[in-house]
C-alpha atoms as a PDB file:
ATOM      1  CA  UNK A   1      -7.290  17.926   1.888  1.00  0.00           C
ATOM      2  CA  UNK A   2      -4.224  19.126  -0.066  1.00  0.00           C
ATOM      3  CA  UNK A   3      -2.473  19.554   3.176  1.00  0.00           C
ATOM      4  CA  UNK A   4      -3.581  16.386   4.572  1.00  0.00           C
ATOM      5  CA  UNK A   5      -2.190  14.093   1.893  1.00  0.00           C
ATOM      6  CA  UNK A   6       1.358  16.238   1.668  1.00  0.00           C
ATOM      7  CA  UNK A   7       1.761  15.574   5.047  1.00  0.00           C
ATOM      8  CA  UNK A   8       1.208  11.356   4.838  1.00  0.00           C
ATOM      9  CA  UNK A   9       2.827  11.729   1.650  1.00  0.00           C
ATOM     10  CA  UNK A  10       6.339  13.400   2.953  1.00  0.00           C
ATOM     11  CA  UNK A  11       6.049  10.913   5.946  1.00  0.00           C
ATOM     12  CA  UNK A  12       7.148   7.429   3.643  1.00  0.00           C
ATOM     13  CA  UNK A  13      10.286   9.369   2.480  1.00  0.00           C
ATOM     14  CA  UNK A  14      11.119  10.861   6.487  1.00  0.00           C
ATOM     15  CA  UNK A  15      10.936   7.209   7.376  1.00  0.00           C
ATOM     16  CA  UNK A  16      12.836   5.771   4.816  1.00  0.00           C
ATOM     17  CA  UNK A  17      15.957   8.431   5.571  1.00  0.00           C
ATOM     18  CA  UNK A  18      15.220   7.951   9.934  1.00  0.00           C
ATOM     19  CA  UNK A  19      15.797   4.128   9.222  1.00  0.00           C
ATOM     20  CA  UNK A  20      18.371   4.287   6.471  1.00  0.00           C
ATOM     21  CA  UNK A  21      20.318   6.218   8.901  1.00  0.00           C
ATOM     22  CA  UNK A  22      19.486   3.825  12.022  1.00  0.00           C
ATOM     23  CA  UNK A  23      21.221   1.061   9.887  1.00  0.00           C
ATOM     24  CA  UNK A  24      23.951   2.899   9.288  1.00  0.00           C
ATOM     25  CA  UNK A  25      25.050   3.339  12.711  1.00  0.00           C
ATOM     26  CA  UNK A  26      23.970  -0.329  13.603  1.00  0.00           C
ATOM     27  CA  UNK A  27      20.823   0.664  15.724  1.00  0.00           C
ATOM     28  CA  UNK A  28      18.799  -1.483  14.079  1.00  0.00           C
ATOM     29  CA  UNK A  29      19.801  -4.339  16.263  1.00  0.00           C
ATOM     30  CA  UNK A  30      19.080  -2.800  19.661  1.00  0.00           C
ATOM     31  CA  UNK A  31      15.549  -2.922  18.796  1.00  0.00           C
ATOM     32  CA  UNK A  32      15.266  -6.892  18.142  1.00  0.00           C
ATOM     33  CA  UNK A  33      15.364  -7.437  22.039  1.00  0.00           C
ATOM     34  CA  UNK A  34      12.028  -4.970  22.697  1.00  0.00           C
ATOM     35  CA  UNK A  35      10.352  -6.827  19.577  1.00  0.00           C
ATOM     36  CA  UNK A  36      10.588 -10.145  20.489  1.00  0.00           C
ATOM     37  CA  UNK A  37       9.141  -9.112  24.251  1.00  0.00           C
ATOM     38  CA  UNK A  38       6.775  -6.692  22.022  1.00  0.00           C
ATOM     39  CA  UNK A  39       5.570 -10.102  19.921  1.00  0.00           C
ATOM     40  CA  UNK A  40       5.476 -12.784  22.616  1.00  0.00           C
ATOM     41  CA  UNK A  41       1.656 -12.907  21.979  1.00  0.00           C
ATOM     42  CA  UNK A  42       2.021 -13.672  18.749  1.00  0.00           C
ATOM     43  CA  UNK A  43       3.216 -17.264  19.963  1.00  0.00           C
ATOM     44  CA  UNK A  44       5.733 -19.268  18.983  1.00  0.00           C
ATOM     45  CA  UNK A  45       5.803 -17.768  15.229  1.00  0.00           C
ATOM     46  CA  UNK A  46       6.810 -14.389  17.279  1.00  0.00           C
ATOM     47  CA  UNK A  47      10.628 -14.802  17.182  1.00  0.00           C
ATOM     48  CA  UNK A  48      10.533 -15.766  13.494  1.00  0.00           C
ATOM     49  CA  UNK A  49       8.713 -12.878  12.595  1.00  0.00           C
ATOM     50  CA  UNK A  50      11.059 -10.704  14.703  1.00  0.00           C
ATOM     51  CA  UNK A  51      14.245 -12.628  12.717  1.00  0.00           C
ATOM     52  CA  UNK A  52      12.729 -12.134   9.417  1.00  0.00           C
ATOM     53  CA  UNK A  53      12.160  -8.094   9.775  1.00  0.00           C
ATOM     54  CA  UNK A  54      16.310  -8.281  11.030  1.00  0.00           C
ATOM     55  CA  UNK A  55      16.891  -9.743   8.225  1.00  0.00           C
ATOM     56  CA  UNK A  56      15.342  -7.706   6.036  1.00  0.00           C
ATOM     57  CA  UNK A  57      16.552  -4.547   7.413  1.00  0.00           C
ATOM     58  CA  UNK A  58      20.047  -6.076   6.795  1.00  0.00           C
ATOM     59  CA  UNK A  59      19.535  -6.640   3.123  1.00  0.00           C
ATOM     60  CA  UNK A  60      18.674  -2.490   2.759  1.00  0.00           C
ATOM     61  CA  UNK A  61      20.810  -0.791   0.740  1.00  0.00           C
ATOM     62  CA  UNK A  62      21.070   2.182   3.215  1.00  0.00           C
ATOM     63  CA  UNK A  63      22.988   4.696   0.890  1.00  0.00           C
ATOM     64  CA  UNK A  64      20.057   4.159  -2.131  1.00  0.00           C
ATOM     65  CA  UNK A  65      17.210   4.249   0.604  1.00  0.00           C
ATOM     66  CA  UNK A  66      18.814   7.302   2.311  1.00  0.00           C
ATOM     67  CA  UNK A  67      19.235   8.993  -1.110  1.00  0.00           C
ATOM     68  CA  UNK A  68      15.834   8.525  -2.725  1.00  0.00           C
ATOM     69  CA  UNK A  69      13.838   9.171   0.556  1.00  0.00           C
ATOM     70  CA  UNK A  70      15.484  12.381   1.112  1.00  0.00           C
ATOM     71  CA  UNK A  71      15.257  13.322  -2.450  1.00  0.00           C
ATOM     72  CA  UNK A  72      11.382  12.662  -2.053  1.00  0.00           C
ATOM     73  CA  UNK A  73      11.318  14.120   1.148  1.00  0.00           C
ATOM     74  CA  UNK A  74      12.608  17.306  -0.113  1.00  0.00           C
ATOM     75  CA  UNK A  75      10.195  17.711  -3.469  1.00  0.00           C
ATOM     76  CA  UNK A  76       7.475  17.142  -1.233  1.00  0.00           C
ATOM     77  CA  UNK A  77       8.423  19.888   1.027  1.00  0.00           C
ATOM     78  CA  UNK A  78       8.127  21.742  -2.175  1.00  0.00           C
ATOM     79  CA  UNK A  79       4.694  20.302  -2.323  1.00  0.00           C
ATOM     80  CA  UNK A  80       4.032  21.858   1.249  1.00  0.00           C
ATOM     81  CA  UNK A  81       4.978  25.539   0.324  1.00  0.00           C
ATOM     82  CA  UNK A  82       2.341  27.259  -2.138  1.00  0.00           C
ATOM     83  CA  UNK A  83       4.684  29.354  -4.159  1.00  0.00           C
ATOM     84  CA  UNK A  84       6.882  25.566  -4.729  1.00  0.00           C
ATOM     85  CA  UNK A  85       3.541  24.111  -5.489  1.00  0.00           C
ATOM     86  CA  UNK A  86       2.854  26.639  -7.967  1.00  0.00           C
ATOM     87  CA  UNK A  87       6.399  26.474  -9.273  1.00  0.00           C
ATOM     88  CA  UNK A  88       5.617  22.617  -9.777  1.00  0.00           C
ATOM     89  CA  UNK A  89       2.481  22.742 -11.172  1.00  0.00           C
ATOM     90  CA  UNK A  90       4.053  25.147 -13.856  1.00  0.00           C
ATOM     91  CA  UNK A  91       7.057  23.504 -14.732  1.00  0.00           C
ATOM     92  CA  UNK A  92       4.937  20.421 -15.686  1.00  0.00           C
ATOM     93  CA  UNK A  93       1.787  22.586 -17.787  1.00  0.00           C
ATOM     94  CA  UNK A  94       4.712  24.833 -19.135  1.00  0.00           C
ATOM     95  CA  UNK A  95       6.380  22.122 -20.782  1.00  0.00           C
ATOM     96  CA  UNK A  96       5.097  22.046 -24.548  1.00  0.00           C
END
């Protein structure tokens, strides 16, 4: 169960780093036409939803998102490694 938890926990920072890098290179604008095609089934609110998603992505601070995501990804990598998990547990327990 611990491996599943650690794997799922590491996906969030990985996605954060990936999204911040894609936005930094301007790739997020290329996703607008495929997203519009995907949400056509929703109805007339589909293009509005895509516009809101793209606007939210435009407002994200890529430097902060990438830095925090990378830091959390490294921490979850340390949790996945058995020796890292023991060292991290000792650092929490040994502080007195």
